[in-house]
């Protein structure tokens, strides 16, 4: 019997009687991070990294039964020893290490290895079997430095301001928005306006000690000249809605790894695309697999087929693992 198996409720560890990021309610859920495709409501008891617990309660309910674990802290669940290790994806994101009778499996959840001051940096974990995401598992995906992207965003913002226009930057409300706010500190001290979906999440990051530009809810801001010159950060789901009408003639941009391909920007109707992802690019995926020393790799979501084929061609044991985890870089979040 494998240490972790796929069930109709998600990844399950029989030895510990718990699920990892279940997509249906279960008695015990170990959560890698608080994005909606990995943290779903209804389970009896949640386990998550300590700094991610406030985010889970913001999203799933203030009375959520959730036990916080520090990175590296071990927990005995049945015959399984479980610990969480930094994934570098968002605040509180974790890889799940499971050890049973000397055998070790690691589930990465979503992860990245790029520099990001808003969360704890990724750490490699040695294991026998690695379950890894494969969202951007194509050799074309290689991320630019965050400093370069932040400089591009700032230039675009200022160019729109000189034309008397607002700049609306669409990005995921949890993780991406805060990363942008932190990166822009190298270029300005100007306040940024936030869509309501990003307001409480950004405050949780501030409470955790993350340094970011000052912000204000867009609906509460007293702005002259109809938002001209302002930067507004909003989730992709706000694009094309009545909420956008208040900004009048404005520039629109989208932060995502998918913006590496120009056709994605054209199809989605944004003026500018900024290549910024909170997932591992192709080199980071291969580096992580190599450093894990895993004898077996299971790849899930994204281009798992490409990654599995590549690994098999290079003599590794690899298989696809079909899950319901999504690609939130393309998701619309309200």
C-alpha atoms as a PDB file:
ATOM      1  CA  UNK A   1       0.000   0.000   0.000  1.00  0.00           C
ATOM      2  CA  UNK A   2       1.417   3.447  -0.888  1.00  0.00           C
ATOM      3  CA  UNK A   3       2.069   5.885   1.935  1.00  0.00           C
ATOM      4  CA  UNK A   4      -0.251   8.416   0.223  1.00  0.00           C
ATOM      5  CA  UNK A   5      -3.098   7.389  -2.060  1.00  0.00           C
ATOM      6  CA  UNK A   6      -5.617   9.232  -4.205  1.00  0.00           C
ATOM      7  CA  UNK A   7      -9.253   8.964  -3.099  1.00  0.00           C
ATOM      8  CA  UNK A   8     -12.484  10.649  -4.140  1.00  0.00           C
ATOM      9  CA  UNK A   9     -11.828  13.237  -1.397  1.00  0.00           C
ATOM     10  CA  UNK A  10      -8.212  13.875  -2.319  1.00  0.00           C
ATOM     11  CA  UNK A  11      -4.761  12.741  -1.218  1.00  0.00           C
ATOM     12  CA  UNK A  12      -5.032  10.428   1.797  1.00  0.00           C
ATOM     13  CA  UNK A  13      -2.480   8.965   4.219  1.00  0.00           C
ATOM     14  CA  UNK A  14      -3.937   5.698   5.607  1.00  0.00           C
ATOM     15  CA  UNK A  15      -1.238   5.329   8.284  1.00  0.00           C
ATOM     16  CA  UNK A  16      -2.136   8.711   9.758  1.00  0.00           C
ATOM     17  CA  UNK A  17      -5.817   8.798   8.775  1.00  0.00           C
ATOM     18  CA  UNK A  18      -5.667  12.314   7.338  1.00  0.00           C
ATOM     19  CA  UNK A  19      -5.992  14.033   3.958  1.00  0.00           C
ATOM     20  CA  UNK A  20      -3.728  16.609   2.351  1.00  0.00           C
ATOM     21  CA  UNK A  21      -5.586  19.551   0.764  1.00  0.00           C
ATOM     22  CA  UNK A  22      -8.843  17.564   0.451  1.00  0.00           C
ATOM     23  CA  UNK A  23     -11.412  18.815  -2.012  1.00  0.00           C
ATOM     24  CA  UNK A  24     -14.328  17.453   0.041  1.00  0.00           C
ATOM     25  CA  UNK A  25     -14.942  17.573   3.813  1.00  0.00           C
ATOM     26  CA  UNK A  26     -12.901  15.088   5.857  1.00  0.00           C
ATOM     27  CA  UNK A  27     -12.271  14.592   9.595  1.00  0.00           C
ATOM     28  CA  UNK A  28      -8.610  15.757   9.482  1.00  0.00           C
ATOM     29  CA  UNK A  29      -7.021  17.936   6.793  1.00  0.00           C
ATOM     30  CA  UNK A  30      -3.372  18.949   6.482  1.00  0.00           C
ATOM     31  CA  UNK A  31      -3.292  22.118   4.369  1.00  0.00           C
ATOM     32  CA  UNK A  32      -0.353  23.259   2.230  1.00  0.00           C
ATOM     33  CA  UNK A  33      -1.679  26.816   1.795  1.00  0.00           C
ATOM     34  CA  UNK A  34      -4.834  28.913   1.809  1.00  0.00           C
ATOM     35  CA  UNK A  35      -5.600  29.293  -1.920  1.00  0.00           C
ATOM     36  CA  UNK A  36      -9.134  28.162  -2.675  1.00  0.00           C
ATOM     37  CA  UNK A  37      -8.217  25.070  -4.677  1.00  0.00           C
ATOM     38  CA  UNK A  38      -6.148  23.711  -1.761  1.00  0.00           C
ATOM     39  CA  UNK A  39      -8.103  24.907   1.296  1.00  0.00           C
ATOM     40  CA  UNK A  40     -11.793  24.069   1.120  1.00  0.00           C
ATOM     41  CA  UNK A  41     -14.446  24.387   3.827  1.00  0.00           C
ATOM     42  CA  UNK A  42     -16.235  21.713   5.831  1.00  0.00           C
ATOM     43  CA  UNK A  43     -13.490  19.544   7.337  1.00  0.00           C
ATOM     44  CA  UNK A  44     -13.475  18.764  11.053  1.00  0.00           C
ATOM     45  CA  UNK A  45      -9.923  19.761  11.977  1.00  0.00           C
ATOM     46  CA  UNK A  46      -7.273  21.576   9.954  1.00  0.00           C
ATOM     47  CA  UNK A  47      -3.500  21.558  10.374  1.00  0.00           C
ATOM     48  CA  UNK A  48      -1.479  24.360   8.777  1.00  0.00           C
ATOM     49  CA  UNK A  49       1.704  26.378   9.224  1.00  0.00           C
ATOM     50  CA  UNK A  50       1.212  28.925  11.989  1.00  0.00           C
ATOM     51  CA  UNK A  51       1.464  32.093   9.883  1.00  0.00           C
ATOM     52  CA  UNK A  52      -1.117  30.690   7.456  1.00  0.00           C
ATOM     53  CA  UNK A  53      -3.762  30.051  10.104  1.00  0.00           C
ATOM     54  CA  UNK A  54      -5.146  33.648  10.109  1.00  0.00           C
ATOM     55  CA  UNK A  55      -5.532  33.455   6.328  1.00  0.00           C
ATOM     56  CA  UNK A  56      -7.418  30.167   6.587  1.00  0.00           C
ATOM     57  CA  UNK A  57      -9.739  31.661   9.196  1.00  0.00           C
ATOM     58  CA  UNK A  58     -10.285  34.751   7.034  1.00  0.00           C
ATOM     59  CA  UNK A  59     -11.299  32.558   4.119  1.00  0.00           C
ATOM     60  CA  UNK A  60     -13.030  29.602   5.783  1.00  0.00           C
ATOM     61  CA  UNK A  61     -14.476  31.183   8.921  1.00  0.00           C
ATOM     62  CA  UNK A  62     -13.279  32.758  12.151  1.00  0.00           C
ATOM     63  CA  UNK A  63     -14.367  29.718  14.189  1.00  0.00           C
ATOM     64  CA  UNK A  64     -12.362  27.275  12.047  1.00  0.00           C
ATOM     65  CA  UNK A  65     -10.813  24.460  14.110  1.00  0.00           C
ATOM     66  CA  UNK A  66      -7.197  24.795  13.041  1.00  0.00           C
ATOM     67  CA  UNK A  67      -3.974  23.669  14.717  1.00  0.00           C
ATOM     68  CA  UNK A  68      -0.892  25.685  13.787  1.00  0.00           C
ATOM     69  CA  UNK A  69       2.504  24.063  13.279  1.00  0.00           C
ATOM     70  CA  UNK A  70       5.821  25.884  13.026  1.00  0.00           C
ATOM     71  CA  UNK A  71       8.049  24.980  10.103  1.00  0.00           C
ATOM     72  CA  UNK A  72       9.984  21.828  10.981  1.00  0.00           C
ATOM     73  CA  UNK A  73       7.806  20.950  13.975  1.00  0.00           C
ATOM     74  CA  UNK A  74       6.768  17.279  14.024  1.00  0.00           C
ATOM     75  CA  UNK A  75       3.291  15.965  14.737  1.00  0.00           C
ATOM     76  CA  UNK A  76       2.353  12.316  15.307  1.00  0.00           C
ATOM     77  CA  UNK A  77      -0.853  11.346  13.526  1.00  0.00           C
ATOM     78  CA  UNK A  78      -1.454   7.624  13.938  1.00  0.00           C
ATOM     79  CA  UNK A  79       1.683   5.858  12.731  1.00  0.00           C
ATOM     80  CA  UNK A  80       2.724   8.866  10.623  1.00  0.00           C
ATOM     81  CA  UNK A  81       5.129  11.606  11.610  1.00  0.00           C
ATOM     82  CA  UNK A  82       4.107  14.807   9.823  1.00  0.00           C
ATOM     83  CA  UNK A  83       6.021  18.066   9.495  1.00  0.00           C
ATOM     84  CA  UNK A  84       5.625  21.212   7.401  1.00  0.00           C
ATOM     85  CA  UNK A  85       8.471  22.868   5.488  1.00  0.00           C
ATOM     86  CA  UNK A  86       8.636  26.191   3.591  1.00  0.00           C
ATOM     87  CA  UNK A  87       7.218  26.149   0.066  1.00  0.00           C
ATOM     88  CA  UNK A  88       7.881  29.815  -0.808  1.00  0.00           C
ATOM     89  CA  UNK A  89       4.492  30.138  -2.502  1.00  0.00           C
ATOM     90  CA  UNK A  90       2.600  32.565  -0.219  1.00  0.00           C
ATOM     91  CA  UNK A  91       2.580  33.444   3.485  1.00  0.00           C
ATOM     92  CA  UNK A  92       2.239  30.207   5.465  1.00  0.00           C
ATOM     93  CA  UNK A  93       2.641  27.918   2.444  1.00  0.00           C
ATOM     94  CA  UNK A  94       4.194  24.556   3.224  1.00  0.00           C
ATOM     95  CA  UNK A  95       5.427  21.306   1.851  1.00  0.00           C
ATOM     96  CA  UNK A  96       4.108  18.294   3.770  1.00  0.00           C
ATOM     97  CA  UNK A  97       6.678  15.700   4.848  1.00  0.00           C
ATOM     98  CA  UNK A  98       5.235  12.343   5.922  1.00  0.00           C
ATOM     99  CA  UNK A  99       7.335   9.580   7.435  1.00  0.00           C
ATOM    100  CA  UNK A 100       6.032   6.079   8.170  1.00  0.00           C
ATOM    101  CA  UNK A 101       8.336   3.237   9.200  1.00  0.00           C
ATOM    102  CA  UNK A 102      11.360   5.019   7.762  1.00  0.00           C
ATOM    103  CA  UNK A 103       9.750   5.775   4.373  1.00  0.00           C
ATOM    104  CA  UNK A 104       9.392   9.472   3.509  1.00  0.00           C
ATOM    105  CA  UNK A 105       7.014  11.165   1.103  1.00  0.00           C
ATOM    106  CA  UNK A 106       6.887  14.919   0.429  1.00  0.00           C
ATOM    107  CA  UNK A 107       3.943  16.795  -1.090  1.00  0.00           C
ATOM    108  CA  UNK A 108       5.160  20.183  -2.332  1.00  0.00           C
ATOM    109  CA  UNK A 109       1.766  21.828  -2.739  1.00  0.00           C
ATOM    110  CA  UNK A 110       2.271  24.912  -4.895  1.00  0.00           C
ATOM    111  CA  UNK A 111       5.783  26.301  -4.554  1.00  0.00           C
ATOM    112  CA  UNK A 112       8.351  28.669  -5.973  1.00  0.00           C
ATOM    113  CA  UNK A 113      12.061  29.217  -5.451  1.00  0.00           C
ATOM    114  CA  UNK A 114      12.267  32.864  -6.589  1.00  0.00           C
ATOM    115  CA  UNK A 115      13.051  35.592  -4.069  1.00  0.00           C
ATOM    116  CA  UNK A 116      10.003  36.870  -2.222  1.00  0.00           C
ATOM    117  CA  UNK A 117      10.213  38.897   1.027  1.00  0.00           C
ATOM    118  CA  UNK A 118       6.542  38.274   1.801  1.00  0.00           C
ATOM    119  CA  UNK A 119       6.989  34.604   2.741  1.00  0.00           C
ATOM    120  CA  UNK A 120       9.585  32.150   4.015  1.00  0.00           C
ATOM    121  CA  UNK A 121      11.920  30.937   1.282  1.00  0.00           C
ATOM    122  CA  UNK A 122      11.580  27.442  -0.164  1.00  0.00           C
ATOM    123  CA  UNK A 123      13.654  24.693   1.440  1.00  0.00           C
ATOM    124  CA  UNK A 124      14.570  21.408  -0.241  1.00  0.00           C
ATOM    125  CA  UNK A 125      13.410  18.285   1.602  1.00  0.00           C
ATOM    126  CA  UNK A 126      14.935  14.855   0.954  1.00  0.00           C
ATOM    127  CA  UNK A 127      12.437  12.049   0.397  1.00  0.00           C
ATOM    128  CA  UNK A 128      11.771   8.692  -1.231  1.00  0.00           C
ATOM    129  CA  UNK A 129       8.690   9.838  -3.157  1.00  0.00           C
ATOM    130  CA  UNK A 130       7.956  13.413  -4.235  1.00  0.00           C
ATOM    131  CA  UNK A 131       4.512  14.668  -5.239  1.00  0.00           C
ATOM    132  CA  UNK A 132       5.120  17.911  -7.087  1.00  0.00           C
ATOM    133  CA  UNK A 133       3.012  20.488  -8.863  1.00  0.00           C
ATOM    134  CA  UNK A 134       3.723  20.946 -12.571  1.00  0.00           C
ATOM    135  CA  UNK A 135       1.808  24.142 -13.342  1.00  0.00           C
ATOM    136  CA  UNK A 136       4.531  25.603 -15.576  1.00  0.00           C
ATOM    137  CA  UNK A 137       6.308  22.409 -16.598  1.00  0.00           C
ATOM    138  CA  UNK A 138       7.499  23.535 -20.011  1.00  0.00           C
ATOM    139  CA  UNK A 139      11.088  24.593 -20.831  1.00  0.00           C
ATOM    140  CA  UNK A 140       9.825  27.961 -22.119  1.00  0.00           C
ATOM    141  CA  UNK A 141       8.824  29.038 -18.610  1.00  0.00           C
ATOM    142  CA  UNK A 142      11.785  30.822 -17.007  1.00  0.00           C
ATOM    143  CA  UNK A 143      10.942  33.753 -14.767  1.00  0.00           C
ATOM    144  CA  UNK A 144      12.587  37.186 -14.896  1.00  0.00           C
ATOM    145  CA  UNK A 145      13.906  38.722 -11.680  1.00  0.00           C
ATOM    146  CA  UNK A 146      11.251  40.328  -9.483  1.00  0.00           C
ATOM    147  CA  UNK A 147      13.242  43.595  -9.450  1.00  0.00           C
ATOM    148  CA  UNK A 148      12.920  43.821 -13.228  1.00  0.00           C
ATOM    149  CA  UNK A 149       9.185  43.165 -13.130  1.00  0.00           C
ATOM    150  CA  UNK A 150       8.607  45.698 -10.349  1.00  0.00           C
ATOM    151  CA  UNK A 151      10.506  48.358 -12.312  1.00  0.00           C
ATOM    152  CA  UNK A 152       8.329  47.633 -15.374  1.00  0.00           C
ATOM    153  CA  UNK A 153       5.139  47.932 -13.318  1.00  0.00           C
ATOM    154  CA  UNK A 154       6.286  51.240 -11.846  1.00  0.00           C
ATOM    155  CA  UNK A 155       7.178  52.683 -15.284  1.00  0.00           C
ATOM    156  CA  UNK A 156       3.779  51.632 -16.648  1.00  0.00           C
ATOM    157  CA  UNK A 157       2.021  53.200 -13.658  1.00  0.00           C
ATOM    158  CA  UNK A 158       3.901  56.489 -14.067  1.00  0.00           C
ATOM    159  CA  UNK A 159       3.342  56.577 -17.831  1.00  0.00           C
ATOM    160  CA  UNK A 160      -0.408  56.245 -17.274  1.00  0.00           C
ATOM    161  CA  UNK A 161      -0.259  58.959 -14.596  1.00  0.00           C
ATOM    162  CA  UNK A 162       1.404  61.358 -17.013  1.00  0.00           C
ATOM    163  CA  UNK A 163      -1.547  60.812 -19.348  1.00  0.00           C
ATOM    164  CA  UNK A 164      -4.034  61.497 -16.556  1.00  0.00           C
ATOM    165  CA  UNK A 165      -5.134  57.853 -16.333  1.00  0.00           C
ATOM    166  CA  UNK A 166      -5.483  55.400 -13.489  1.00  0.00           C
ATOM    167  CA  UNK A 167      -3.656  52.067 -13.605  1.00  0.00           C
ATOM    168  CA  UNK A 168      -5.590  48.937 -12.645  1.00  0.00           C
ATOM    169  CA  UNK A 169      -3.320  45.972 -12.023  1.00  0.00           C
ATOM    170  CA  UNK A 170      -5.030  42.606 -11.857  1.00  0.00           C
ATOM    171  CA  UNK A 171      -3.422  39.874  -9.796  1.00  0.00           C
ATOM    172  CA  UNK A 172      -4.406  37.168  -7.362  1.00  0.00           C
ATOM    173  CA  UNK A 173      -5.670  38.754  -4.129  1.00  0.00           C
ATOM    174  CA  UNK A 174      -3.737  36.346  -1.913  1.00  0.00           C
ATOM    175  CA  UNK A 175       0.028  36.249  -2.350  1.00  0.00           C
ATOM    176  CA  UNK A 176       0.528  38.003  -5.666  1.00  0.00           C
ATOM    177  CA  UNK A 177      -0.976  41.342  -4.580  1.00  0.00           C
ATOM    178  CA  UNK A 178       1.197  41.470  -1.466  1.00  0.00           C
ATOM    179  CA  UNK A 179       4.307  40.484  -3.395  1.00  0.00           C
ATOM    180  CA  UNK A 180       3.730  43.367  -5.804  1.00  0.00           C
ATOM    181  CA  UNK A 181       3.216  45.803  -2.923  1.00  0.00           C
ATOM    182  CA  UNK A 182       6.490  44.690  -1.344  1.00  0.00           C
ATOM    183  CA  UNK A 183       8.484  44.794  -4.588  1.00  0.00           C
ATOM    184  CA  UNK A 184       7.288  48.303  -5.480  1.00  0.00           C
ATOM    185  CA  UNK A 185       8.838  49.688  -2.280  1.00  0.00           C
ATOM    186  CA  UNK A 186      12.146  49.894  -4.142  1.00  0.00           C
ATOM    187  CA  UNK A 187      10.614  52.475  -6.500  1.00  0.00           C
ATOM    188  CA  UNK A 188       8.094  54.570  -4.569  1.00  0.00           C
ATOM    189  CA  UNK A 189       6.424  55.321  -1.244  1.00  0.00           C
ATOM    190  CA  UNK A 190       3.117  56.214  -2.906  1.00  0.00           C
ATOM    191  CA  UNK A 191      -0.107  54.759  -1.575  1.00  0.00           C
ATOM    192  CA  UNK A 192      -1.849  52.009  -3.555  1.00  0.00           C
ATOM    193  CA  UNK A 193      -5.607  51.432  -3.648  1.00  0.00           C
ATOM    194  CA  UNK A 194      -6.986  47.938  -3.121  1.00  0.00           C
ATOM    195  CA  UNK A 195     -10.077  46.068  -4.215  1.00  0.00           C
ATOM    196  CA  UNK A 196     -12.039  44.838  -1.201  1.00  0.00           C
ATOM    197  CA  UNK A 197     -10.957  41.223  -1.758  1.00  0.00           C
ATOM    198  CA  UNK A 198      -7.324  42.152  -1.117  1.00  0.00           C
ATOM    199  CA  UNK A 199      -7.855  44.417   1.909  1.00  0.00           C
ATOM    200  CA  UNK A 200      -8.163  41.887   4.783  1.00  0.00           C
ATOM    201  CA  UNK A 201      -5.526  39.591   3.295  1.00  0.00           C
ATOM    202  CA  UNK A 202      -3.044  42.453   2.993  1.00  0.00           C
ATOM    203  CA  UNK A 203      -3.696  43.374   6.623  1.00  0.00           C
ATOM    204  CA  UNK A 204      -2.881  39.810   7.678  1.00  0.00           C
ATOM    205  CA  UNK A 205       0.454  40.133   5.882  1.00  0.00           C
ATOM    206  CA  UNK A 206       1.114  43.439   7.686  1.00  0.00           C
ATOM    207  CA  UNK A 207       0.242  41.831  11.012  1.00  0.00           C
ATOM    208  CA  UNK A 208       2.816  39.134  10.202  1.00  0.00           C
ATOM    209  CA  UNK A 209       5.487  41.827   9.817  1.00  0.00           C
ATOM    210  CA  UNK A 210       5.657  41.972   6.015  1.00  0.00           C
ATOM    211  CA  UNK A 211       6.776  45.411   4.749  1.00  0.00           C
ATOM    212  CA  UNK A 212       4.677  46.764   1.859  1.00  0.00           C
ATOM    213  CA  UNK A 213       3.575  50.080   0.364  1.00  0.00           C
ATOM    214  CA  UNK A 214       0.797  51.887   2.228  1.00  0.00           C
ATOM    215  CA  UNK A 215      -2.647  50.922   1.003  1.00  0.00           C
ATOM    216  CA  UNK A 216      -6.230  52.076   1.250  1.00  0.00           C
ATOM    217  CA  UNK A 217      -9.505  50.454   0.175  1.00  0.00           C
ATOM    218  CA  UNK A 218     -10.427  51.818  -3.250  1.00  0.00           C
ATOM    219  CA  UNK A 219     -14.045  52.399  -2.249  1.00  0.00           C
ATOM    220  CA  UNK A 220     -13.051  54.507   0.770  1.00  0.00           C
ATOM    221  CA  UNK A 221     -10.375  56.620  -0.893  1.00  0.00           C
ATOM    222  CA  UNK A 222     -10.892  60.331  -1.317  1.00  0.00           C
ATOM    223  CA  UNK A 223      -9.392  60.733  -4.757  1.00  0.00           C
ATOM    224  CA  UNK A 224      -9.378  63.864  -6.862  1.00  0.00           C
ATOM    225  CA  UNK A 225      -9.519  63.884 -10.652  1.00  0.00           C
ATOM    226  CA  UNK A 226     -11.407  60.586 -10.754  1.00  0.00           C
ATOM    227  CA  UNK A 227      -8.482  58.339  -9.743  1.00  0.00           C
ATOM    228  CA  UNK A 228      -6.070  59.816 -12.296  1.00  0.00           C
ATOM    229  CA  UNK A 229      -2.505  58.744 -11.491  1.00  0.00           C
ATOM    230  CA  UNK A 230      -3.527  56.096  -8.961  1.00  0.00           C
ATOM    231  CA  UNK A 231      -2.498  52.438  -8.951  1.00  0.00           C
ATOM    232  CA  UNK A 232      -5.370  50.110  -8.085  1.00  0.00           C
ATOM    233  CA  UNK A 233      -4.767  46.410  -7.393  1.00  0.00           C
ATOM    234  CA  UNK A 234      -7.706  44.091  -8.009  1.00  0.00           C
ATOM    235  CA  UNK A 235      -8.359  40.358  -8.520  1.00  0.00           C
ATOM    236  CA  UNK A 236      -8.892  39.176 -12.123  1.00  0.00           C
ATOM    237  CA  UNK A 237     -12.568  38.581 -11.422  1.00  0.00           C
ATOM    238  CA  UNK A 238     -13.129  42.346 -11.180  1.00  0.00           C
ATOM    239  CA  UNK A 239     -12.155  42.902 -14.797  1.00  0.00           C
ATOM    240  CA  UNK A 240     -15.115  43.852 -16.961  1.00  0.00           C
ATOM    241  CA  UNK A 241     -17.485  44.361 -14.014  1.00  0.00           C
ATOM    242  CA  UNK A 242     -19.407  47.457 -12.939  1.00  0.00           C
ATOM    243  CA  UNK A 243     -16.754  48.004 -10.239  1.00  0.00           C
ATOM    244  CA  UNK A 244     -14.334  49.103 -12.979  1.00  0.00           C
ATOM    245  CA  UNK A 245     -16.510  51.929 -14.266  1.00  0.00           C
ATOM    246  CA  UNK A 246     -15.513  54.277 -11.424  1.00  0.00           C
ATOM    247  CA  UNK A 247     -11.964  54.498 -12.810  1.00  0.00           C
ATOM    248  CA  UNK A 248     -12.975  55.837 -16.212  1.00  0.00           C
ATOM    249  CA  UNK A 249     -10.288  55.719 -18.888  1.00  0.00           C
ATOM    250  CA  UNK A 250      -7.576  53.577 -17.290  1.00  0.00           C
ATOM    251  CA  UNK A 251      -4.708  51.321 -18.193  1.00  0.00           C
ATOM    252  CA  UNK A 252      -5.075  47.648 -17.349  1.00  0.00           C
ATOM    253  CA  UNK A 253      -2.339  45.145 -16.583  1.00  0.00           C
ATOM    254  CA  UNK A 254      -2.192  41.543 -15.430  1.00  0.00           C
ATOM    255  CA  UNK A 255       0.503  39.844 -13.304  1.00  0.00           C
ATOM    256  CA  UNK A 256       0.897  36.154 -14.053  1.00  0.00           C
ATOM    257  CA  UNK A 257       3.357  33.581 -15.286  1.00  0.00           C
ATOM    258  CA  UNK A 258       0.997  33.032 -18.196  1.00  0.00           C
ATOM    259  CA  UNK A 259       1.877  36.521 -19.456  1.00  0.00           C
ATOM    260  CA  UNK A 260       5.161  35.091 -20.741  1.00  0.00           C
ATOM    261  CA  UNK A 261       3.107  34.133 -23.797  1.00  0.00           C
ATOM    262  CA  UNK A 262       1.855  37.281 -25.540  1.00  0.00           C
ATOM    263  CA  UNK A 263      -1.175  35.511 -26.912  1.00  0.00           C
ATOM    264  CA  UNK A 264      -2.580  35.096 -23.399  1.00  0.00           C
ATOM    265  CA  UNK A 265      -2.519  38.865 -22.841  1.00  0.00           C
ATOM    266  CA  UNK A 266      -4.222  39.536 -26.174  1.00  0.00           C
ATOM    267  CA  UNK A 267      -6.946  36.973 -25.581  1.00  0.00           C
ATOM    268  CA  UNK A 268      -7.694  38.334 -22.114  1.00  0.00           C
ATOM    269  CA  UNK A 269      -7.801  41.968 -23.256  1.00  0.00           C
ATOM    270  CA  UNK A 270      -5.194  43.577 -20.980  1.00  0.00           C
ATOM    271  CA  UNK A 271      -3.072  46.530 -22.067  1.00  0.00           C
ATOM    272  CA  UNK A 272       0.033  45.097 -20.403  1.00  0.00           C
ATOM    273  CA  UNK A 273       1.144  41.727 -19.143  1.00  0.00           C
ATOM    274  CA  UNK A 274       3.747  41.377 -16.389  1.00  0.00           C
ATOM    275  CA  UNK A 275       5.482  38.033 -15.984  1.00  0.00           C
ATOM    276  CA  UNK A 276       5.221  37.298 -12.285  1.00  0.00           C
ATOM    277  CA  UNK A 277       4.335  33.874 -10.939  1.00  0.00           C
ATOM    278  CA  UNK A 278       4.185  32.327  -7.493  1.00  0.00           C
ATOM    279  CA  UNK A 279       4.833  28.892  -8.985  1.00  0.00           C
ATOM    280  CA  UNK A 280       8.108  27.191  -9.866  1.00  0.00           C
ATOM    281  CA  UNK A 281       9.405  27.674 -13.397  1.00  0.00           C
ATOM    282  CA  UNK A 282      10.979  24.853 -15.414  1.00  0.00           C
ATOM    283  CA  UNK A 283      14.528  25.143 -14.005  1.00  0.00           C
ATOM    284  CA  UNK A 284      13.172  25.333 -10.441  1.00  0.00           C
ATOM    285  CA  UNK A 285      11.070  22.202 -10.950  1.00  0.00           C
ATOM    286  CA  UNK A 286      14.067  20.217 -12.154  1.00  0.00           C
ATOM    287  CA  UNK A 287      16.290  21.601  -9.387  1.00  0.00           C
ATOM    288  CA  UNK A 288      13.741  20.649  -6.737  1.00  0.00           C
ATOM    289  CA  UNK A 289      13.355  17.111  -8.052  1.00  0.00           C
ATOM    290  CA  UNK A 290      17.120  16.634  -8.178  1.00  0.00           C
ATOM    291  CA  UNK A 291      17.679  17.979  -4.658  1.00  0.00           C
ATOM    292  CA  UNK A 292      14.908  15.820  -3.209  1.00  0.00           C
ATOM    293  CA  UNK A 293      16.821  12.644  -4.212  1.00  0.00           C
ATOM    294  CA  UNK A 294      13.408  11.044  -4.746  1.00  0.00           C
ATOM    295  CA  UNK A 295      13.293   7.612  -6.315  1.00  0.00           C
ATOM    296  CA  UNK A 296       9.754   8.203  -7.549  1.00  0.00           C
ATOM    297  CA  UNK A 297       8.146  11.454  -8.712  1.00  0.00           C
ATOM    298  CA  UNK A 298       4.398  12.008  -9.018  1.00  0.00           C
ATOM    299  CA  UNK A 299       3.436  15.156 -10.955  1.00  0.00           C
ATOM    300  CA  UNK A 300       0.066  16.832 -10.557  1.00  0.00           C
ATOM    301  CA  UNK A 301      -1.869  19.550 -12.441  1.00  0.00           C
ATOM    302  CA  UNK A 302      -0.497  21.845 -15.108  1.00  0.00           C
ATOM    303  CA  UNK A 303       1.752  20.107 -17.638  1.00  0.00           C
ATOM    304  CA  UNK A 304       2.361  16.978 -15.606  1.00  0.00           C
ATOM    305  CA  UNK A 305       2.485  14.962 -18.830  1.00  0.00           C
ATOM    306  CA  UNK A 306       5.466  16.952 -20.118  1.00  0.00           C
ATOM    307  CA  UNK A 307       7.335  16.723 -16.826  1.00  0.00           C
ATOM    308  CA  UNK A 308       6.735  12.974 -16.517  1.00  0.00           C
ATOM    309  CA  UNK A 309       7.900  12.359 -20.082  1.00  0.00           C
ATOM    310  CA  UNK A 310      11.050  14.396 -19.518  1.00  0.00           C
ATOM    311  CA  UNK A 311      11.896  12.586 -16.274  1.00  0.00           C
ATOM    312  CA  UNK A 312      11.331   9.160 -17.811  1.00  0.00           C
ATOM    313  CA  UNK A 313      13.555  10.071 -20.745  1.00  0.00           C
ATOM    314  CA  UNK A 314      16.256  10.871 -18.201  1.00  0.00           C
ATOM    315  CA  UNK A 315      15.961   7.534 -16.453  1.00  0.00           C
ATOM    316  CA  UNK A 316      13.707   8.491 -13.539  1.00  0.00           C
ATOM    317  CA  UNK A 317      10.619   6.714 -12.288  1.00  0.00           C
ATOM    318  CA  UNK A 318       7.783   9.203 -12.761  1.00  0.00           C
ATOM    319  CA  UNK A 319       4.008   9.141 -13.115  1.00  0.00           C
ATOM    320  CA  UNK A 320       1.093  11.535 -13.402  1.00  0.00           C
ATOM    321  CA  UNK A 321      -1.283  12.032 -10.488  1.00  0.00           C
ATOM    322  CA  UNK A 322      -4.671  13.434 -11.486  1.00  0.00           C
ATOM    323  CA  UNK A 323      -6.076  15.822  -8.873  1.00  0.00           C
ATOM    324  CA  UNK A 324      -8.621  18.633  -8.684  1.00  0.00           C
ATOM    325  CA  UNK A 325      -6.018  21.265  -7.863  1.00  0.00           C
ATOM    326  CA  UNK A 326      -6.283  24.225 -10.223  1.00  0.00           C
ATOM    327  CA  UNK A 327      -4.043  26.812 -11.849  1.00  0.00           C
ATOM    328  CA  UNK A 328      -4.981  29.887  -9.827  1.00  0.00           C
ATOM    329  CA  UNK A 329      -2.752  32.180 -11.873  1.00  0.00           C
ATOM    330  CA  UNK A 330      -5.568  32.094 -14.446  1.00  0.00           C
ATOM    331  CA  UNK A 331      -8.376  32.025 -11.922  1.00  0.00           C
ATOM    332  CA  UNK A 332     -10.794  34.851 -11.297  1.00  0.00           C
ATOM    333  CA  UNK A 333     -11.215  35.538  -7.595  1.00  0.00           C
ATOM    334  CA  UNK A 334     -13.884  37.778  -6.127  1.00  0.00           C
END
